[in-house]
Amino acid sequence: MNFVSTRAQAPAASLSAAIAAGLAPDGGLYVPDTLPRFSPEEFSADETLAEIAARLLRPFFAGDALAPELDAICREAFDFPTPLRALASPGDHVLELFHGPTAAFKDVGARFLAACLSRLQRGQTRELTILVATSGDTGAAVAAAFHRKPHLRVVVLYPDGRVSPRQAHQLGCFGDNILALRVAGSFDDCQALVKQALADRPLQARVPLSSANSISLGRLLPQMSYYAAAALQHWRREHTPLHFVVPTGNLGNAFAGILARACGLPIGRIALASNDNRVLPDFFAGGDYTPRASRATLANAMDVGAPSNFERLRWLYPDPIALRAAFEALAVPDEAIRAAIFESRRRLDETVCPHTATALDLLVRLRARGETGAWAVVATAHPAKFESIVEPLIGEPVPVPPALAALLERPARAEPLAADYAALRARLLAASPG
């Protein structure tokens, strides 16, 4: 299989080349040139998550240098659970994606990408620098996945003062081959700097770069797997599709579920829960797609004003009318996030992070208007990462999972950086061994 740009102005690339590049030469995002089709019967009931992932991703790896390594890559990346649990409210479920080393769903894609790139770097004499912009959780997941990997370096950019204290600590606690830069700006500023660097050919000639944001195929493709596993589990039990409510900012996680559905997995409707950054809700309500400056909210990892993966969504649904008919996206302001955290504990005995709370709020609204069927809220991060928000609302401490506690015990350091491309370029050149 080959991969093409969403902007159709770049040559097709192999999977390995697309993963290594991150962004297509024309500035677009890589997408498969064709989509495989699956039926539930092609998956065995006793398959592990790693085995489901390998079966699902095999057509995407066909003919690529990484194809013989796919099973090992999946075993390496999918070594923690992503359980689908029933909630106390009838027909409602939660898909828990926060049991990895940094307590966020982004561990899945980051570990898969690191497993791919570490294999592609074998025998290379030049170091590859992975650039990542983060609104909170991506950077820590990427840092953990790539920490001390040979011939790989990570530079994390995050908006100073706009991530939670524990997120900030995670971002700066690795050292070694991980550099954390706290940018005087928003996540959108960080994302724009990364995209500018990836498009800078003279810089790439001196400092080979790739991306670990959700624009990377190496993160997008593996995230299809937990949607597939959850939907297959429900299908075998109920013989009906499972619907999902996905908290979303940059649309990477949601698009993985959308892509899995397009490949024939038994996934029903997908509803998008946004915070008070309303670019997607406004579009799906009938307005123009209009990127704008992001606003700081309690669900900070979703503080995105220009969702990169919207390009992929438009590639899959080129007709705006069909796209709006296929999905809905609703905004959940901070006061509703607080209420959802409080009510989920009182009504369901569930403690959730602010991002998961946006999806719970949307699910309550869907049920109130009469939506039926089985729905799963996608729980994207452990609530202990947001203790300053969650604990006052539920009135007690949130237990810290052991992996997160270990990271919080490390010393942490991040360098300041102006929201200026010249400053980033100079820092990348200064840190380059070449």
Protein backbone atom coordinates (compact mmCIF):
# COMPACT_ATOMS: atom_id res chain seq x y z
CA MET A 1 0.00 0.00 0.00
CA ASN A 2 1.11 3.56 -0.72
CA PHE A 3 0.21 6.79 1.04
CA VAL A 4 -0.75 10.08 -0.57
CA SER A 5 -1.09 13.66 0.62
CA THR A 6 -4.44 15.20 1.51
CA ARG A 7 -3.39 18.11 -0.73
CA ALA A 8 -2.63 15.84 -3.72
CA GLN A 9 0.50 17.79 -4.69
CA ALA A 10 3.15 15.30 -3.51
CA PRO A 11 4.25 11.92 -4.84
CA ALA A 12 2.92 8.78 -3.20
CA ALA A 13 5.13 7.39 -0.43
CA SER A 14 5.69 4.05 1.22
CA LEU A 15 4.52 3.60 4.79
CA SER A 16 8.08 3.83 6.13
CA ALA A 17 8.75 7.00 4.17
CA ALA A 18 5.46 8.56 5.29
CA ILE A 19 6.12 7.73 8.94
CA ALA A 20 9.69 9.05 8.77
CA ALA A 21 8.63 12.29 7.08
CA GLY A 22 5.63 13.05 9.30
CA LEU A 23 4.26 15.71 6.93
CA ALA A 24 3.99 15.36 3.15
CA PRO A 25 6.25 17.67 1.07
CA ASP A 26 3.27 19.78 0.00
CA GLY A 27 2.30 20.40 3.62
CA GLY A 28 -0.54 17.89 3.55
CA LEU A 29 -1.17 14.88 5.75
CA TYR A 30 -0.53 11.34 4.57
CA VAL A 31 -3.53 9.07 4.03
CA PRO A 32 -3.77 5.56 2.52
CA ASP A 33 -4.36 5.41 -1.21
CA THR A 34 -7.01 2.75 -0.58
CA LEU A 35 -8.88 1.43 2.43
CA PRO A 36 -9.07 -2.27 3.29
CA ARG A 37 -12.42 -3.77 4.27
CA PHE A 38 -12.93 -6.13 7.19
CA SER A 39 -15.80 -8.10 8.64
CA PRO A 40 -16.09 -9.03 12.34
CA GLU A 41 -15.69 -12.69 11.43
CA GLU A 42 -12.09 -12.07 10.37
CA PHE A 43 -11.13 -11.51 14.02
CA SER A 44 -11.03 -14.30 16.61
CA ALA A 45 -12.73 -13.89 19.97
CA ASP A 46 -9.58 -14.85 21.87
CA GLU A 47 -7.26 -12.39 20.12
CA THR A 48 -5.36 -9.95 22.31
CA LEU A 49 -5.30 -6.23 21.58
CA ALA A 50 -1.84 -6.64 20.02
CA GLU A 51 -3.13 -9.45 17.78
CA ILE A 52 -6.18 -7.42 16.74
CA ALA A 53 -3.89 -4.50 15.94
CA ALA A 54 -1.58 -6.64 13.82
CA ARG A 55 -4.50 -8.13 11.86
CA LEU A 56 -6.10 -4.71 11.35
CA LEU A 57 -2.90 -2.96 10.29
CA ARG A 58 -1.44 -5.70 8.07
CA PRO A 59 -2.95 -4.31 4.82
CA PHE A 60 -1.51 -0.86 5.62
CA PHE A 61 1.95 -2.41 6.07
CA ALA A 62 1.74 -4.61 2.96
CA GLY A 63 4.85 -4.36 0.81
CA ASP A 64 6.69 -2.12 3.27
CA ALA A 65 10.06 -2.77 4.90
CA LEU A 66 8.34 -2.73 8.29
CA ALA A 67 5.84 -5.45 7.37
CA PRO A 68 7.92 -8.37 8.78
CA GLU A 69 8.22 -6.44 12.07
CA LEU A 70 4.52 -5.66 12.49
CA ASP A 71 3.70 -8.40 15.02
CA ALA A 72 6.68 -7.45 17.18
CA ILE A 73 5.84 -3.74 16.92
CA CYS A 74 2.29 -4.42 18.11
CA ARG A 75 3.44 -6.56 21.02
CA GLU A 76 5.87 -3.81 22.03
CA ALA A 77 3.30 -1.01 21.80
CA PHE A 78 0.17 -2.73 23.13
CA ASP A 79 1.49 -4.04 26.43
CA PHE A 80 -1.16 -2.43 28.68
CA PRO A 81 -4.95 -2.88 28.79
CA THR A 82 -7.62 -0.69 27.14
CA PRO A 83 -10.72 -2.11 28.86
CA LEU A 84 -14.33 -1.49 27.85
CA ARG A 85 -16.41 -1.28 31.04
CA ALA A 86 -20.14 -0.96 31.58
CA LEU A 87 -21.25 2.17 33.45
CA ALA A 88 -24.02 2.22 36.04
CA SER A 89 -26.41 3.86 33.55
CA PRO A 90 -28.03 1.27 31.23
CA GLY A 91 -26.44 0.89 27.79
CA ASP A 92 -23.53 3.18 28.66
CA HIS A 93 -19.87 2.17 28.69
CA VAL A 94 -16.45 3.68 29.14
CA LEU A 95 -13.40 2.78 27.05
CA GLU A 96 -10.42 3.35 29.36
CA LEU A 97 -7.33 4.41 27.42
CA PHE A 98 -5.25 5.74 30.33
CA HIS A 99 -3.47 2.64 31.64
CA GLY A 100 -0.17 3.29 29.83
CA PRO A 101 3.06 4.71 31.27
CA THR A 102 1.98 8.38 31.17
CA ALA A 103 -1.71 7.78 31.98
CA ALA A 104 -3.14 9.06 28.67
CA PHE A 105 -4.46 7.50 25.47
CA LYS A 106 -1.55 9.01 23.58
CA ASP A 107 0.73 6.31 24.99
CA VAL A 108 -0.74 3.94 22.38
CA GLY A 109 0.24 5.91 19.30
CA ALA A 110 3.50 7.20 20.77
CA ARG A 111 4.77 3.74 21.68
CA PHE A 112 3.80 2.37 18.26
CA LEU A 113 5.53 5.24 16.47
CA ALA A 114 8.67 4.83 18.59
CA ALA A 115 8.74 1.10 17.81
CA CYS A 116 8.50 1.89 14.08
CA LEU A 117 11.07 4.69 14.00
CA SER A 118 13.59 2.86 16.17
CA ARG A 119 13.56 0.06 13.59
CA LEU A 120 13.84 2.49 10.68
CA GLN A 121 16.83 4.12 12.38
CA ARG A 122 18.79 0.88 12.62
CA GLY A 123 22.09 1.30 10.82
CA GLN A 124 21.60 5.04 10.36
CA THR A 125 24.55 7.28 11.16
CA ARG A 126 22.56 10.53 11.51
CA GLU A 127 20.32 11.25 14.47
CA LEU A 128 16.62 11.86 13.75
CA THR A 129 14.92 14.62 15.73
CA ILE A 130 11.25 14.10 16.56
CA LEU A 131 9.39 17.39 16.90
CA VAL A 132 6.17 17.38 18.87
CA ALA A 133 3.75 20.13 19.85
CA THR A 134 1.61 19.26 22.85
CA SER A 135 -1.44 20.71 24.53
CA GLY A 136 -0.78 18.54 27.55
CA ASP A 137 -0.55 14.77 27.10
CA THR A 138 1.10 14.09 23.73
CA GLY A 139 4.52 15.37 24.73
CA ALA A 140 4.86 13.18 27.80
CA ALA A 141 3.70 10.09 25.92
CA VAL A 142 6.20 10.73 23.13
CA ALA A 143 8.99 11.50 25.61
CA ALA A 144 8.34 8.27 27.51
CA ALA A 145 8.15 6.22 24.31
CA PHE A 146 11.39 7.59 22.82
CA HIS A 147 13.40 8.02 26.03
CA ARG A 148 16.95 6.72 25.51
CA LYS A 149 16.16 5.25 22.10
CA PRO A 150 19.43 5.28 20.11
CA HIS A 151 19.80 7.72 17.20
CA LEU A 152 16.53 9.44 18.12
CA ARG A 153 16.02 12.78 19.84
CA VAL A 154 12.75 14.42 20.90
CA VAL A 155 12.01 18.14 21.15
CA VAL A 156 8.70 18.87 22.90
CA LEU A 157 7.01 22.28 22.58
CA TYR A 158 4.22 23.11 25.02
CA PRO A 159 2.33 26.32 25.89
CA ASP A 160 3.81 27.73 29.08
CA GLY A 161 1.21 27.99 31.85
CA ARG A 162 -1.51 26.25 29.83
CA VAL A 163 -0.96 22.66 30.90
CA SER A 164 -1.68 21.19 34.33
CA PRO A 165 1.19 21.19 36.87
CA ARG A 166 1.50 17.42 36.69
CA GLN A 167 1.48 17.50 32.90
CA ALA A 168 4.23 20.12 32.94
CA HIS A 169 6.28 18.01 35.33
CA GLN A 170 5.95 14.97 33.08
CA LEU A 171 7.06 16.97 30.06
CA GLY A 172 10.30 18.05 31.70
CA CYS A 173 11.23 14.99 33.76
CA PHE A 174 13.00 12.80 31.22
CA GLY A 175 16.24 14.52 30.20
CA ASP A 176 18.82 12.53 28.20
CA ASN A 177 17.59 12.65 24.58
CA ILE A 178 14.42 14.60 25.46
CA LEU A 179 14.34 18.41 25.34
CA ALA A 180 11.26 20.24 26.68
CA LEU A 181 10.60 23.80 25.51
CA ARG A 182 7.93 25.90 27.24
CA VAL A 183 6.65 28.28 24.60
CA ALA A 184 5.34 31.76 25.40
CA GLY A 185 2.11 31.20 23.48
CA SER A 186 -0.74 28.80 22.80
CA PHE A 187 -0.82 25.22 21.54
CA ASP A 188 -1.65 26.58 18.11
CA ASP A 189 1.60 28.58 18.21
CA CYS A 190 3.49 25.39 19.11
CA GLN A 191 1.80 23.44 16.32
CA ALA A 192 2.53 26.18 13.78
CA LEU A 193 6.22 26.19 14.78
CA VAL A 194 6.46 22.43 14.32
CA LYS A 195 4.79 22.55 10.90
CA GLN A 196 7.11 25.39 9.82
CA ALA A 197 10.18 23.43 10.87
CA LEU A 198 9.02 20.29 9.08
CA ALA A 199 8.55 22.31 5.87
CA ASP A 200 12.00 23.98 6.17
CA ARG A 201 14.09 22.07 3.63
CA PRO A 202 17.44 23.82 4.41
CA LEU A 203 16.93 23.02 8.10
CA GLN A 204 16.03 19.40 7.31
CA ALA A 205 19.28 19.06 5.35
CA ARG A 206 21.20 19.90 8.53
CA VAL A 207 18.85 18.46 11.18
CA PRO A 208 16.72 15.53 9.94
CA LEU A 209 13.24 15.98 11.41
CA SER A 210 10.04 14.03 11.82
CA SER A 211 6.80 14.55 13.70
CA ALA A 212 5.09 12.71 16.54
CA ASN A 213 1.89 14.74 16.58
CA SER A 214 -1.40 13.22 15.51
CA ILE A 215 -0.50 14.24 11.95
CA SER A 216 1.86 11.22 11.99
CA LEU A 217 0.59 8.01 10.42
CA GLY A 218 2.62 6.14 13.02
CA ARG A 219 0.28 7.50 15.69
CA LEU A 220 -2.96 7.51 13.73
CA LEU A 221 -3.01 3.93 12.47
CA PRO A 222 -2.47 2.11 15.80
CA GLN A 223 -5.22 4.13 17.47
CA MET A 224 -7.72 2.37 15.20
CA SER A 225 -7.02 -0.81 17.16
CA TYR A 226 -8.69 0.00 20.46
CA TYR A 227 -11.84 1.10 18.67
CA ALA A 228 -11.79 -2.16 16.76
CA ALA A 229 -11.23 -4.24 19.90
CA ALA A 230 -14.03 -2.52 21.85
CA ALA A 231 -16.49 -2.69 18.95
CA LEU A 232 -15.71 -6.37 18.31
CA GLN A 233 -16.17 -7.20 22.00
CA HIS A 234 -19.58 -5.55 22.00
CA TRP A 235 -20.55 -7.06 18.65
CA ARG A 236 -19.89 -10.60 19.85
CA ARG A 237 -22.02 -10.01 22.93
CA GLU A 238 -24.92 -7.98 21.49
CA HIS A 239 -24.66 -8.29 17.68
CA THR A 240 -25.16 -4.54 17.37
CA PRO A 241 -22.70 -1.75 16.57
CA LEU A 242 -21.12 0.22 19.41
CA HIS A 243 -21.45 4.01 19.25
CA PHE A 244 -18.71 6.27 20.61
CA VAL A 245 -18.48 9.73 22.16
CA VAL A 246 -14.94 11.01 21.70
CA PRO A 247 -13.39 14.05 23.41
CA THR A 248 -11.50 15.82 20.67
CA GLY A 249 -9.23 18.77 20.05
CA ASN A 250 -6.89 18.01 17.15
CA LEU A 251 -9.21 15.25 15.82
CA GLY A 252 -6.51 12.55 15.77
CA ASN A 253 -8.15 10.15 18.21
CA ALA A 254 -11.60 10.65 16.75
CA PHE A 255 -10.36 10.22 13.19
CA ALA A 256 -8.78 6.88 14.13
CA GLY A 257 -12.24 5.64 15.12
CA ILE A 258 -13.74 7.12 11.96
CA LEU A 259 -11.11 5.35 9.85
CA ALA A 260 -11.74 2.04 11.64
CA ARG A 261 -15.45 2.39 10.86
CA ALA A 262 -14.65 3.16 7.22
CA CYS A 263 -12.72 -0.13 7.12
CA GLY A 264 -15.85 -2.10 8.07
CA LEU A 265 -15.49 -2.54 11.83
CA PRO A 266 -18.86 -2.72 13.68
CA ILE A 267 -18.75 0.88 14.86
CA GLY A 268 -21.93 2.91 14.85
CA ARG A 269 -22.21 6.65 15.29
CA ILE A 270 -19.30 8.78 16.44
CA ALA A 271 -20.12 11.98 18.31
CA LEU A 272 -17.42 14.59 18.93
CA ALA A 273 -17.21 16.33 22.29
CA SER A 274 -15.36 19.63 22.17
CA ASN A 275 -14.52 22.03 24.96
CA ASP A 276 -15.24 25.76 24.56
CA ASN A 277 -12.99 25.92 21.49
CA ARG A 278 -15.84 25.79 19.02
CA VAL A 279 -14.25 25.43 15.57
CA LEU A 280 -15.66 21.93 15.06
CA PRO A 281 -19.06 22.49 16.73
CA ASP A 282 -19.58 25.62 14.63
CA PHE A 283 -18.71 23.78 11.42
CA PHE A 284 -20.98 20.81 12.14
CA ALA A 285 -23.77 23.21 13.04
CA GLY A 286 -23.58 24.57 9.48
CA GLY A 287 -20.97 27.33 9.70
CA ASP A 288 -17.75 27.66 7.76
CA TYR A 289 -14.62 25.88 8.95
CA THR A 290 -12.82 28.85 10.48
CA PRO A 291 -9.65 28.22 12.53
CA ARG A 292 -9.17 30.77 15.29
CA ALA A 293 -7.00 31.44 18.29
CA SER A 294 -7.51 28.76 20.94
CA ARG A 295 -8.98 29.54 24.35
CA ALA A 296 -7.67 28.12 27.62
CA THR A 297 -10.15 25.70 29.24
CA LEU A 298 -10.24 23.07 31.98
CA ALA A 299 -9.85 20.39 29.29
CA ASN A 300 -6.52 21.85 28.24
CA ALA A 301 -5.35 18.98 26.03
CA MET A 302 -8.25 19.90 23.73
CA ASP A 303 -7.42 23.62 23.55
CA VAL A 304 -7.00 23.63 19.77
CA GLY A 305 -8.17 26.35 17.42
CA ALA A 306 -6.95 24.77 14.16
CA PRO A 307 -7.52 20.99 14.26
CA SER A 308 -4.89 19.48 11.97
CA ASN A 309 -6.75 16.26 11.25
CA PHE A 310 -9.71 18.13 9.80
CA GLU A 311 -7.77 17.78 6.52
CA ARG A 312 -8.05 14.01 6.82
CA LEU A 313 -11.75 14.25 7.64
CA ARG A 314 -12.32 16.31 4.50
CA TRP A 315 -10.31 13.78 2.49
CA LEU A 316 -12.62 10.99 3.65
CA TYR A 317 -15.78 13.13 3.26
CA PRO A 318 -15.04 15.64 0.46
CA ASP A 319 -18.68 16.77 0.31
CA PRO A 320 -19.36 19.17 3.23
CA ILE A 321 -23.04 18.21 3.30
CA ALA A 322 -22.19 14.51 3.65
CA LEU A 323 -19.57 15.32 6.27
CA ARG A 324 -22.00 17.31 8.40
CA ALA A 325 -24.60 14.57 8.05
CA ALA A 326 -22.13 11.90 9.23
CA PHE A 327 -21.15 13.47 12.55
CA GLU A 328 -22.08 15.99 15.14
CA ALA A 329 -19.83 17.98 17.45
CA LEU A 330 -21.03 19.84 20.52
CA ALA A 331 -19.15 22.28 22.76
CA VAL A 332 -18.91 21.73 26.51
CA PRO A 333 -17.92 24.90 28.43
CA ASP A 334 -16.01 24.83 31.70
CA GLU A 335 -19.09 25.06 33.93
CA ALA A 336 -20.54 21.97 32.23
CA ILE A 337 -17.20 20.16 32.60
CA ARG A 338 -17.25 20.83 36.36
CA ALA A 339 -20.84 19.65 36.59
CA ALA A 340 -20.06 16.47 34.64
CA ILE A 341 -17.11 15.61 36.93
CA PHE A 342 -19.32 16.13 39.99
CA GLU A 343 -22.32 14.27 38.59
CA SER A 344 -20.32 11.34 37.25
CA ARG A 345 -18.98 10.74 40.75
CA ARG A 346 -22.37 11.23 42.44
CA ARG A 347 -24.51 9.36 39.93
CA LEU A 348 -22.16 6.74 38.49
CA ASP A 349 -19.41 6.45 41.13
CA GLU A 350 -16.89 7.30 38.39
CA THR A 351 -14.00 9.75 38.74
CA VAL A 352 -13.06 11.28 35.39
CA CYS A 353 -10.64 13.82 33.97
CA PRO A 354 -11.95 17.09 32.44
CA HIS A 355 -11.59 15.72 28.90
CA THR A 356 -13.57 12.58 29.59
CA ALA A 357 -16.12 14.82 31.32
CA THR A 358 -16.85 16.56 28.01
CA ALA A 359 -17.82 13.20 26.51
CA LEU A 360 -19.96 12.27 29.52
CA ASP A 361 -21.78 15.59 29.26
CA LEU A 362 -22.47 14.98 25.58
CA LEU A 363 -23.68 11.43 26.28
CA VAL A 364 -26.16 12.74 28.86
CA ARG A 365 -27.47 15.19 26.25
CA LEU A 366 -27.75 12.44 23.63
CA ARG A 367 -29.74 10.25 26.00
CA ALA A 368 -31.96 13.17 27.03
CA ARG A 369 -33.05 13.69 23.45
CA GLY A 370 -33.90 10.01 23.06
CA GLU A 371 -30.78 8.41 21.55
CA THR A 372 -30.81 4.62 22.05
CA GLY A 373 -28.30 1.82 21.60
CA ALA A 374 -25.00 1.13 23.30
CA TRP A 375 -22.63 4.09 23.65
CA ALA A 376 -19.05 4.17 24.89
CA VAL A 377 -17.43 7.29 26.31
CA VAL A 378 -13.74 7.38 25.40
CA ALA A 379 -11.77 8.10 28.60
CA THR A 380 -8.60 9.75 27.36
CA ALA A 381 -6.59 10.51 30.54
CA HIS A 382 -6.37 9.50 34.18
CA PRO A 383 -8.04 12.02 36.53
CA ALA A 384 -4.92 12.08 38.75
CA LYS A 385 -3.22 14.21 36.08
CA PHE A 386 -5.74 16.96 36.86
CA GLU A 387 -6.02 16.71 40.62
CA SER A 388 -6.25 20.48 41.11
CA ILE A 389 -9.50 20.47 39.08
CA VAL A 390 -11.00 17.10 40.02
CA GLU A 391 -10.32 16.80 43.75
CA PRO A 392 -12.19 19.96 44.87
CA LEU A 393 -15.23 18.80 42.88
CA ILE A 394 -15.39 15.26 44.26
CA GLY A 395 -14.20 16.18 47.77
CA GLU A 396 -11.39 13.64 48.12
CA PRO A 397 -7.93 12.81 46.73
CA VAL A 398 -7.56 10.95 43.44
CA PRO A 399 -5.19 7.96 43.80
CA VAL A 400 -2.12 8.33 41.60
CA PRO A 401 -1.32 5.28 39.43
CA PRO A 402 2.18 3.86 40.07
CA ALA A 403 3.64 4.73 36.65
CA LEU A 404 2.56 8.37 36.98
CA ALA A 405 3.82 8.53 40.58
CA ALA A 406 7.25 7.36 39.44
CA LEU A 407 7.46 10.14 36.84
CA LEU A 408 6.39 12.77 39.35
CA GLU A 409 9.25 11.78 41.65
CA ARG A 410 11.86 12.71 39.01
CA PRO A 411 13.30 16.24 38.82
CA ALA A 412 11.91 18.26 35.91
CA ARG A 413 13.26 21.09 33.76
CA ALA A 414 12.03 22.90 30.65
CA GLU A 415 13.67 25.72 28.69
CA PRO A 416 11.76 28.89 27.81
CA LEU A 417 11.22 29.66 24.11
CA ALA A 418 9.60 32.62 22.36
CA ALA A 419 6.71 31.82 20.03
CA ASP A 420 9.01 32.68 17.16
CA TYR A 421 10.26 30.37 14.41
CA ALA A 422 13.72 31.90 14.27
CA ALA A 423 14.16 31.07 17.95
CA LEU A 424 13.10 27.45 17.44
CA ARG A 425 15.30 27.06 14.37
CA ALA A 426 18.32 28.40 16.22
CA ARG A 427 17.67 26.04 19.15
CA LEU A 428 17.38 23.02 16.87
CA LEU A 429 20.62 23.90 15.10
CA ALA A 430 22.41 24.48 18.42
CA ALA A 431 21.35 21.08 19.73
CA SER A 432 22.23 19.19 16.57
CA PRO A 433 25.33 16.97 16.75
CA GLY A 434 26.07 17.90 13.15
